[in-house]
Amino acid sequence: MSTMREMTIEDYEQAFILWSQIEGLVLSEADSKPNIQSYLNRNQGFCFVCEADSRIVGTILAGHDGRRGFIYHLAVSPEHRKQRIGHRLVELSLAQLREIGIEKCHIFVLENNELGHSFWAAAGWEKRSGFFVYSKTP
């Protein structure tokens, strides 16, 4: 049986190991422990983990900019897939975002992440086109 709860920085080591094992999830310096601590502090109540047998088997990082929500690092261990853990994590985060008036949420999925594309399409998310994402290090 699995349980959902809010993510804390004490979950970082297990979460990072899980993220490292997920095909299509790319990690960077932004995923360091201090950066995740900062993200969790800024986005309290939106990030969750799923535990089974005292082990983290699913994660979601979610937050907002005041207008739109954003989801990062939805991850479910391969041996715990097909149990709707990913869907439950997404719904938890979306419910919290709705509570504060966020009406639209986005997720960035790498072009070659076929599993991710399949998941989000099956969950009813709309694939957007017509714009590009530009990034720059300040």
N, C-alpha and C. Protein backbone atom coordinates (compact mmCIF):
# COMPACT_ATOMS: atom_id res chain seq x y z
N MET A 1 0.84 -1.18 0.00
CA MET A 1 0.00 0.00 0.00
C MET A 1 0.88 1.24 0.00
N SER A 2 0.46 2.25 -0.71
CA SER A 2 1.25 3.48 -0.79
C SER A 2 0.49 4.64 -0.15
N THR A 3 1.28 5.61 0.35
CA THR A 3 0.69 6.81 0.95
C THR A 3 1.34 8.03 0.34
N MET A 4 0.57 9.10 0.24
CA MET A 4 1.04 10.37 -0.30
C MET A 4 1.21 11.35 0.86
N ARG A 5 2.25 12.18 0.75
CA ARG A 5 2.45 13.23 1.73
C ARG A 5 3.28 14.33 1.11
N GLU A 6 3.30 15.49 1.78
CA GLU A 6 4.09 16.61 1.28
C GLU A 6 5.57 16.26 1.34
N MET A 7 6.30 16.67 0.33
CA MET A 7 7.74 16.43 0.27
C MET A 7 8.47 17.38 1.20
N THR A 8 9.49 16.86 1.88
CA THR A 8 10.38 17.68 2.71
C THR A 8 11.81 17.46 2.24
N ILE A 9 12.71 18.30 2.69
CA ILE A 9 14.11 18.16 2.28
C ILE A 9 14.70 16.85 2.80
N GLU A 10 14.14 16.27 3.83
CA GLU A 10 14.62 14.98 4.33
C GLU A 10 14.40 13.87 3.30
N ASP A 11 13.54 14.11 2.33
CA ASP A 11 13.27 13.14 1.26
C ASP A 11 14.27 13.24 0.11
N TYR A 12 15.14 14.23 0.16
CA TYR A 12 15.98 14.55 -1.00
C TYR A 12 16.80 13.36 -1.50
N GLU A 13 17.52 12.68 -0.61
CA GLU A 13 18.42 11.62 -1.07
C GLU A 13 17.65 10.53 -1.80
N GLN A 14 16.55 10.07 -1.23
CA GLN A 14 15.76 9.03 -1.90
C GLN A 14 15.15 9.56 -3.20
N ALA A 15 14.69 10.79 -3.18
CA ALA A 15 14.09 11.38 -4.39
C ALA A 15 15.14 11.49 -5.49
N PHE A 16 16.34 11.95 -5.15
CA PHE A 16 17.39 12.11 -6.15
C PHE A 16 17.76 10.77 -6.77
N ILE A 17 17.84 9.73 -5.97
CA ILE A 17 18.12 8.39 -6.50
C ILE A 17 17.02 7.98 -7.48
N LEU A 18 15.76 8.20 -7.09
CA LEU A 18 14.65 7.88 -7.98
C LEU A 18 14.74 8.68 -9.28
N TRP A 19 14.96 9.99 -9.18
CA TRP A 19 15.06 10.83 -10.38
C TRP A 19 16.17 10.33 -11.31
N SER A 20 17.27 9.89 -10.73
CA SER A 20 18.42 9.42 -11.51
C SER A 20 18.09 8.17 -12.31
N GLN A 21 17.09 7.44 -11.88
CA GLN A 21 16.72 6.18 -12.53
C GLN A 21 15.63 6.33 -13.58
N ILE A 22 15.09 7.54 -13.72
CA ILE A 22 13.95 7.74 -14.61
C ILE A 22 14.41 8.19 -15.99
N GLU A 23 14.12 7.37 -16.99
CA GLU A 23 14.45 7.72 -18.37
C GLU A 23 13.65 8.96 -18.77
N GLY A 24 14.33 9.92 -19.37
CA GLY A 24 13.66 11.14 -19.82
C GLY A 24 13.66 12.26 -18.81
N LEU A 25 14.14 12.00 -17.59
CA LEU A 25 14.23 13.03 -16.56
C LEU A 25 15.70 13.44 -16.48
N VAL A 26 15.99 14.66 -16.88
CA VAL A 26 17.36 15.15 -16.93
C VAL A 26 17.63 15.99 -15.70
N LEU A 27 18.71 15.67 -15.01
CA LEU A 27 19.09 16.39 -13.79
C LEU A 27 20.20 17.39 -14.09
N SER A 28 20.22 18.46 -13.30
CA SER A 28 21.24 19.50 -13.46
C SER A 28 21.58 20.08 -12.09
N GLU A 29 22.40 21.11 -12.08
CA GLU A 29 22.75 21.78 -10.83
C GLU A 29 21.50 22.31 -10.13
N ALA A 30 20.47 22.62 -10.88
CA ALA A 30 19.21 23.08 -10.29
C ALA A 30 18.60 22.04 -9.37
N ASP A 31 19.05 20.79 -9.49
CA ASP A 31 18.53 19.71 -8.67
C ASP A 31 19.42 19.37 -7.48
N SER A 32 20.36 20.26 -7.17
CA SER A 32 21.20 20.05 -5.98
C SER A 32 20.34 20.19 -4.73
N LYS A 33 20.82 19.66 -3.64
CA LYS A 33 20.04 19.71 -2.39
C LYS A 33 19.72 21.15 -1.98
N PRO A 34 20.68 22.09 -2.01
CA PRO A 34 20.31 23.47 -1.64
C PRO A 34 19.25 24.08 -2.56
N ASN A 35 19.33 23.78 -3.84
CA ASN A 35 18.34 24.33 -4.78
C ASN A 35 16.96 23.71 -4.58
N ILE A 36 16.92 22.41 -4.30
CA ILE A 36 15.63 21.78 -4.03
C ILE A 36 15.07 22.30 -2.70
N GLN A 37 15.93 22.52 -1.72
CA GLN A 37 15.47 23.10 -0.44
C GLN A 37 14.80 24.45 -0.69
N SER A 38 15.44 25.28 -1.50
CA SER A 38 14.89 26.58 -1.84
C SER A 38 13.55 26.44 -2.56
N TYR A 39 13.47 25.51 -3.49
CA TYR A 39 12.23 25.28 -4.23
C TYR A 39 11.10 24.84 -3.29
N LEU A 40 11.41 23.91 -2.39
CA LEU A 40 10.40 23.44 -1.45
C LEU A 40 9.94 24.56 -0.52
N ASN A 41 10.87 25.39 -0.08
CA ASN A 41 10.50 26.51 0.79
C ASN A 41 9.58 27.48 0.07
N ARG A 42 9.87 27.74 -1.19
CA ARG A 42 9.08 28.70 -1.97
C ARG A 42 7.73 28.13 -2.40
N ASN A 43 7.63 26.82 -2.47
CA ASN A 43 6.42 26.17 -2.99
C ASN A 43 5.83 25.19 -1.98
N GLN A 44 5.74 25.62 -0.74
CA GLN A 44 5.19 24.75 0.31
C GLN A 44 3.74 24.38 0.00
N GLY A 45 3.46 23.10 0.15
CA GLY A 45 2.10 22.62 -0.06
C GLY A 45 1.79 22.17 -1.47
N PHE A 46 2.78 22.20 -2.36
CA PHE A 46 2.54 21.82 -3.76
C PHE A 46 3.36 20.61 -4.20
N CYS A 47 4.38 20.23 -3.44
CA CYS A 47 5.29 19.15 -3.82
C CYS A 47 5.01 17.93 -2.93
N PHE A 48 4.95 16.75 -3.55
CA PHE A 48 4.54 15.56 -2.82
C PHE A 48 5.43 14.37 -3.16
N VAL A 49 5.41 13.39 -2.25
CA VAL A 49 6.05 12.10 -2.49
C VAL A 49 5.02 11.01 -2.23
N CYS A 50 5.28 9.87 -2.83
CA CYS A 50 4.51 8.67 -2.56
C CYS A 50 5.46 7.67 -1.91
N GLU A 51 5.04 7.11 -0.79
CA GLU A 51 5.86 6.12 -0.09
C GLU A 51 5.18 4.76 -0.12
N ALA A 52 6.01 3.73 -0.27
CA ALA A 52 5.56 2.35 -0.17
C ALA A 52 6.67 1.59 0.54
N ASP A 53 6.32 0.86 1.57
CA ASP A 53 7.31 0.10 2.34
C ASP A 53 8.45 0.99 2.82
N SER A 54 8.12 2.16 3.34
CA SER A 54 9.09 3.13 3.89
C SER A 54 10.10 3.61 2.85
N ARG A 55 9.73 3.55 1.59
CA ARG A 55 10.61 3.98 0.51
C ARG A 55 9.85 4.92 -0.41
N ILE A 56 10.53 5.96 -0.88
CA ILE A 56 9.90 6.88 -1.82
C ILE A 56 9.87 6.23 -3.20
N VAL A 57 8.65 6.10 -3.73
CA VAL A 57 8.47 5.46 -5.04
C VAL A 57 7.87 6.42 -6.06
N GLY A 58 7.56 7.64 -5.63
CA GLY A 58 7.02 8.64 -6.54
C GLY A 58 7.25 10.04 -6.01
N THR A 59 7.43 10.99 -6.94
CA THR A 59 7.62 12.39 -6.56
C THR A 59 6.93 13.31 -7.56
N ILE A 60 6.62 14.49 -7.10
CA ILE A 60 6.20 15.58 -7.98
C ILE A 60 6.65 16.88 -7.34
N LEU A 61 7.28 17.72 -8.13
CA LEU A 61 7.59 19.08 -7.72
C LEU A 61 6.63 19.98 -8.48
N ALA A 62 5.93 20.83 -7.78
CA ALA A 62 5.00 21.75 -8.42
C ALA A 62 5.09 23.10 -7.73
N GLY A 63 4.82 24.13 -8.49
CA GLY A 63 4.84 25.48 -7.95
C GLY A 63 4.12 26.41 -8.89
N HIS A 64 4.28 27.71 -8.66
CA HIS A 64 3.59 28.68 -9.49
C HIS A 64 4.35 30.00 -9.47
N ASP A 65 3.99 30.85 -10.43
CA ASP A 65 4.58 32.19 -10.50
C ASP A 65 3.55 33.26 -10.16
N GLY A 66 2.42 32.83 -9.60
CA GLY A 66 1.34 33.75 -9.29
C GLY A 66 0.24 33.76 -10.34
N ARG A 67 0.58 33.32 -11.55
CA ARG A 67 -0.40 33.26 -12.65
C ARG A 67 -0.62 31.84 -13.14
N ARG A 68 0.47 31.12 -13.34
CA ARG A 68 0.42 29.77 -13.89
C ARG A 68 1.18 28.80 -12.99
N GLY A 69 0.72 27.55 -13.00
CA GLY A 69 1.42 26.51 -12.26
C GLY A 69 2.41 25.80 -13.18
N PHE A 70 3.39 25.18 -12.56
CA PHE A 70 4.41 24.43 -13.29
C PHE A 70 4.70 23.13 -12.54
N ILE A 71 4.84 22.06 -13.28
CA ILE A 71 5.16 20.76 -12.70
C ILE A 71 6.53 20.32 -13.20
N TYR A 72 7.31 19.79 -12.27
CA TYR A 72 8.64 19.25 -12.56
C TYR A 72 8.77 17.90 -11.86
N HIS A 73 9.59 17.07 -12.39
CA HIS A 73 10.03 15.84 -11.74
C HIS A 73 8.89 14.95 -11.24
N LEU A 74 7.89 14.77 -12.11
CA LEU A 74 6.94 13.70 -11.82
C LEU A 74 7.69 12.41 -12.12
N ALA A 75 7.87 11.60 -11.11
CA ALA A 75 8.64 10.37 -11.27
C ALA A 75 7.98 9.26 -10.46
N VAL A 76 7.87 8.09 -11.06
CA VAL A 76 7.36 6.91 -10.37
C VAL A 76 8.31 5.77 -10.69
N SER A 77 8.74 5.06 -9.66
CA SER A 77 9.67 3.95 -9.90
C SER A 77 9.02 2.93 -10.83
N PRO A 78 9.80 2.37 -11.75
CA PRO A 78 9.23 1.44 -12.74
C PRO A 78 8.42 0.30 -12.12
N GLU A 79 8.86 -0.22 -10.98
CA GLU A 79 8.14 -1.35 -10.37
C GLU A 79 6.83 -0.93 -9.70
N HIS A 80 6.57 0.37 -9.60
CA HIS A 80 5.32 0.84 -8.99
C HIS A 80 4.41 1.54 -10.00
N ARG A 81 4.71 1.42 -11.26
CA ARG A 81 3.87 2.04 -12.28
C ARG A 81 2.60 1.23 -12.50
N LYS A 82 1.67 1.81 -13.20
CA LYS A 82 0.36 1.19 -13.50
C LYS A 82 -0.48 1.04 -12.23
N GLN A 83 -0.20 1.87 -11.22
CA GLN A 83 -1.01 1.88 -9.99
C GLN A 83 -1.64 3.26 -9.78
N ARG A 84 -1.55 4.12 -10.79
CA ARG A 84 -2.11 5.47 -10.78
C ARG A 84 -1.39 6.39 -9.80
N ILE A 85 -0.19 6.04 -9.40
CA ILE A 85 0.58 6.89 -8.49
C ILE A 85 0.87 8.23 -9.14
N GLY A 86 1.31 8.22 -10.39
CA GLY A 86 1.59 9.47 -11.09
C GLY A 86 0.36 10.35 -11.18
N HIS A 87 -0.77 9.76 -11.51
CA HIS A 87 -2.02 10.52 -11.62
C HIS A 87 -2.42 11.11 -10.27
N ARG A 88 -2.26 10.32 -9.21
CA ARG A 88 -2.62 10.81 -7.87
C ARG A 88 -1.72 11.96 -7.45
N LEU A 89 -0.42 11.85 -7.75
CA LEU A 89 0.49 12.94 -7.41
C LEU A 89 0.12 14.22 -8.17
N VAL A 90 -0.18 14.08 -9.45
CA VAL A 90 -0.57 15.25 -10.26
C VAL A 90 -1.84 15.86 -9.69
N GLU A 91 -2.82 15.06 -9.38
CA GLU A 91 -4.09 15.60 -8.86
C GLU A 91 -3.90 16.30 -7.53
N LEU A 92 -3.04 15.77 -6.67
CA LEU A 92 -2.75 16.44 -5.40
C LEU A 92 -2.20 17.84 -5.64
N SER A 93 -1.20 17.93 -6.51
CA SER A 93 -0.59 19.23 -6.79
C SER A 93 -1.58 20.18 -7.46
N LEU A 94 -2.33 19.68 -8.43
CA LEU A 94 -3.30 20.54 -9.11
C LEU A 94 -4.38 21.04 -8.16
N ALA A 95 -4.82 20.19 -7.24
CA ALA A 95 -5.84 20.61 -6.27
C ALA A 95 -5.31 21.75 -5.41
N GLN A 96 -4.05 21.66 -5.00
CA GLN A 96 -3.46 22.72 -4.18
C GLN A 96 -3.32 24.00 -4.98
N LEU A 97 -2.95 23.88 -6.24
CA LEU A 97 -2.84 25.07 -7.09
C LEU A 97 -4.21 25.72 -7.31
N ARG A 98 -5.23 24.89 -7.52
CA ARG A 98 -6.58 25.43 -7.70
C ARG A 98 -7.04 26.19 -6.46
N GLU A 99 -6.68 25.69 -5.30
CA GLU A 99 -7.09 26.34 -4.04
C GLU A 99 -6.62 27.78 -3.94
N ILE A 100 -5.51 28.10 -4.58
CA ILE A 100 -5.01 29.49 -4.51
C ILE A 100 -5.31 30.27 -5.79
N GLY A 101 -6.16 29.70 -6.64
CA GLY A 101 -6.62 30.43 -7.81
C GLY A 101 -5.81 30.24 -9.08
N ILE A 102 -4.88 29.29 -9.09
CA ILE A 102 -4.12 29.00 -10.31
C ILE A 102 -5.00 28.12 -11.20
N GLU A 103 -5.31 28.61 -12.39
CA GLU A 103 -6.26 27.92 -13.26
C GLU A 103 -5.62 27.15 -14.40
N LYS A 104 -4.34 27.36 -14.65
CA LYS A 104 -3.66 26.64 -15.73
C LYS A 104 -2.28 26.23 -15.24
N CYS A 105 -1.87 25.04 -15.65
CA CYS A 105 -0.57 24.50 -15.25
C CYS A 105 0.16 24.00 -16.49
N HIS A 106 1.48 24.13 -16.48
CA HIS A 106 2.32 23.70 -17.60
C HIS A 106 3.35 22.68 -17.13
N ILE A 107 3.78 21.87 -18.06
CA ILE A 107 4.92 20.98 -17.82
C ILE A 107 5.75 20.96 -19.10
N PHE A 108 7.06 20.94 -18.93
CA PHE A 108 7.97 20.84 -20.05
C PHE A 108 8.41 19.38 -20.17
N VAL A 109 8.23 18.80 -21.35
CA VAL A 109 8.61 17.40 -21.60
C VAL A 109 9.62 17.40 -22.73
N LEU A 110 10.76 16.75 -22.52
CA LEU A 110 11.77 16.68 -23.57
C LEU A 110 11.21 15.99 -24.81
N GLU A 111 11.65 16.45 -25.98
CA GLU A 111 11.13 15.91 -27.24
C GLU A 111 11.23 14.40 -27.34
N ASN A 112 12.33 13.83 -26.85
CA ASN A 112 12.56 12.39 -27.00
C ASN A 112 12.02 11.56 -25.83
N ASN A 113 11.28 12.18 -24.93
CA ASN A 113 10.73 11.46 -23.78
C ASN A 113 9.36 10.88 -24.15
N GLU A 114 9.39 9.77 -24.87
CA GLU A 114 8.15 9.16 -25.37
C GLU A 114 7.22 8.73 -24.24
N LEU A 115 7.79 8.18 -23.18
CA LEU A 115 6.97 7.75 -22.04
C LEU A 115 6.25 8.95 -21.42
N GLY A 116 6.97 10.05 -21.28
CA GLY A 116 6.36 11.27 -20.75
C GLY A 116 5.26 11.80 -21.64
N HIS A 117 5.52 11.84 -22.95
CA HIS A 117 4.49 12.31 -23.89
C HIS A 117 3.24 11.44 -23.79
N SER A 118 3.43 10.13 -23.72
CA SER A 118 2.28 9.22 -23.63
C SER A 118 1.49 9.44 -22.35
N PHE A 119 2.21 9.60 -21.23
CA PHE A 119 1.54 9.80 -19.95
C PHE A 119 0.68 11.06 -19.98
N TRP A 120 1.28 12.18 -20.37
CA TRP A 120 0.56 13.46 -20.31
C TRP A 120 -0.59 13.50 -21.30
N ALA A 121 -0.42 12.92 -22.48
CA ALA A 121 -1.51 12.88 -23.46
C ALA A 121 -2.66 12.03 -22.92
N ALA A 122 -2.34 10.87 -22.36
CA ALA A 122 -3.38 9.98 -21.82
C ALA A 122 -4.10 10.63 -20.64
N ALA A 123 -3.41 11.51 -19.92
CA ALA A 123 -4.01 12.19 -18.77
C ALA A 123 -4.84 13.40 -19.19
N GLY A 124 -4.91 13.67 -20.50
CA GLY A 124 -5.75 14.75 -20.99
C GLY A 124 -5.08 16.10 -21.11
N TRP A 125 -3.76 16.14 -21.03
CA TRP A 125 -3.04 17.40 -21.17
C TRP A 125 -2.87 17.72 -22.65
N GLU A 126 -2.97 18.98 -22.98
CA GLU A 126 -2.88 19.44 -24.36
C GLU A 126 -1.43 19.74 -24.73
N LYS A 127 -0.97 19.12 -25.82
CA LYS A 127 0.36 19.43 -26.33
C LYS A 127 0.29 20.76 -27.06
N ARG A 128 1.12 21.69 -26.65
CA ARG A 128 1.10 23.04 -27.21
C ARG A 128 2.09 23.15 -28.35
N SER A 129 1.80 24.06 -29.26
CA SER A 129 2.73 24.36 -30.34
C SER A 129 2.65 25.85 -30.62
N GLY A 130 3.52 26.33 -31.48
CA GLY A 130 3.45 27.72 -31.88
C GLY A 130 4.35 28.65 -31.10
N PHE A 131 5.18 28.09 -30.23
CA PHE A 131 6.13 28.94 -29.53
C PHE A 131 7.37 28.14 -29.17
N PHE A 132 8.42 28.83 -28.82
CA PHE A 132 9.68 28.22 -28.42
C PHE A 132 9.99 28.65 -26.99
N VAL A 133 10.78 27.86 -26.31
CA VAL A 133 11.25 28.22 -24.98
C VAL A 133 12.69 28.69 -25.12
N TYR A 134 12.98 29.87 -24.62
CA TYR A 134 14.34 30.41 -24.60
C TYR A 134 14.79 30.44 -23.15
N SER A 135 16.06 30.12 -22.92
CA SER A 135 16.61 30.12 -21.57
C SER A 135 17.93 30.86 -21.54
N LYS A 136 18.23 31.44 -20.40
CA LYS A 136 19.50 32.14 -20.22
C LYS A 136 19.87 32.10 -18.75
N THR A 137 21.14 31.92 -18.50
CA THR A 137 21.64 31.99 -17.13
C THR A 137 21.84 33.45 -16.77
N PRO A 138 21.20 33.92 -15.68
CA PRO A 138 21.33 35.34 -15.32
C PRO A 138 22.76 35.73 -14.95
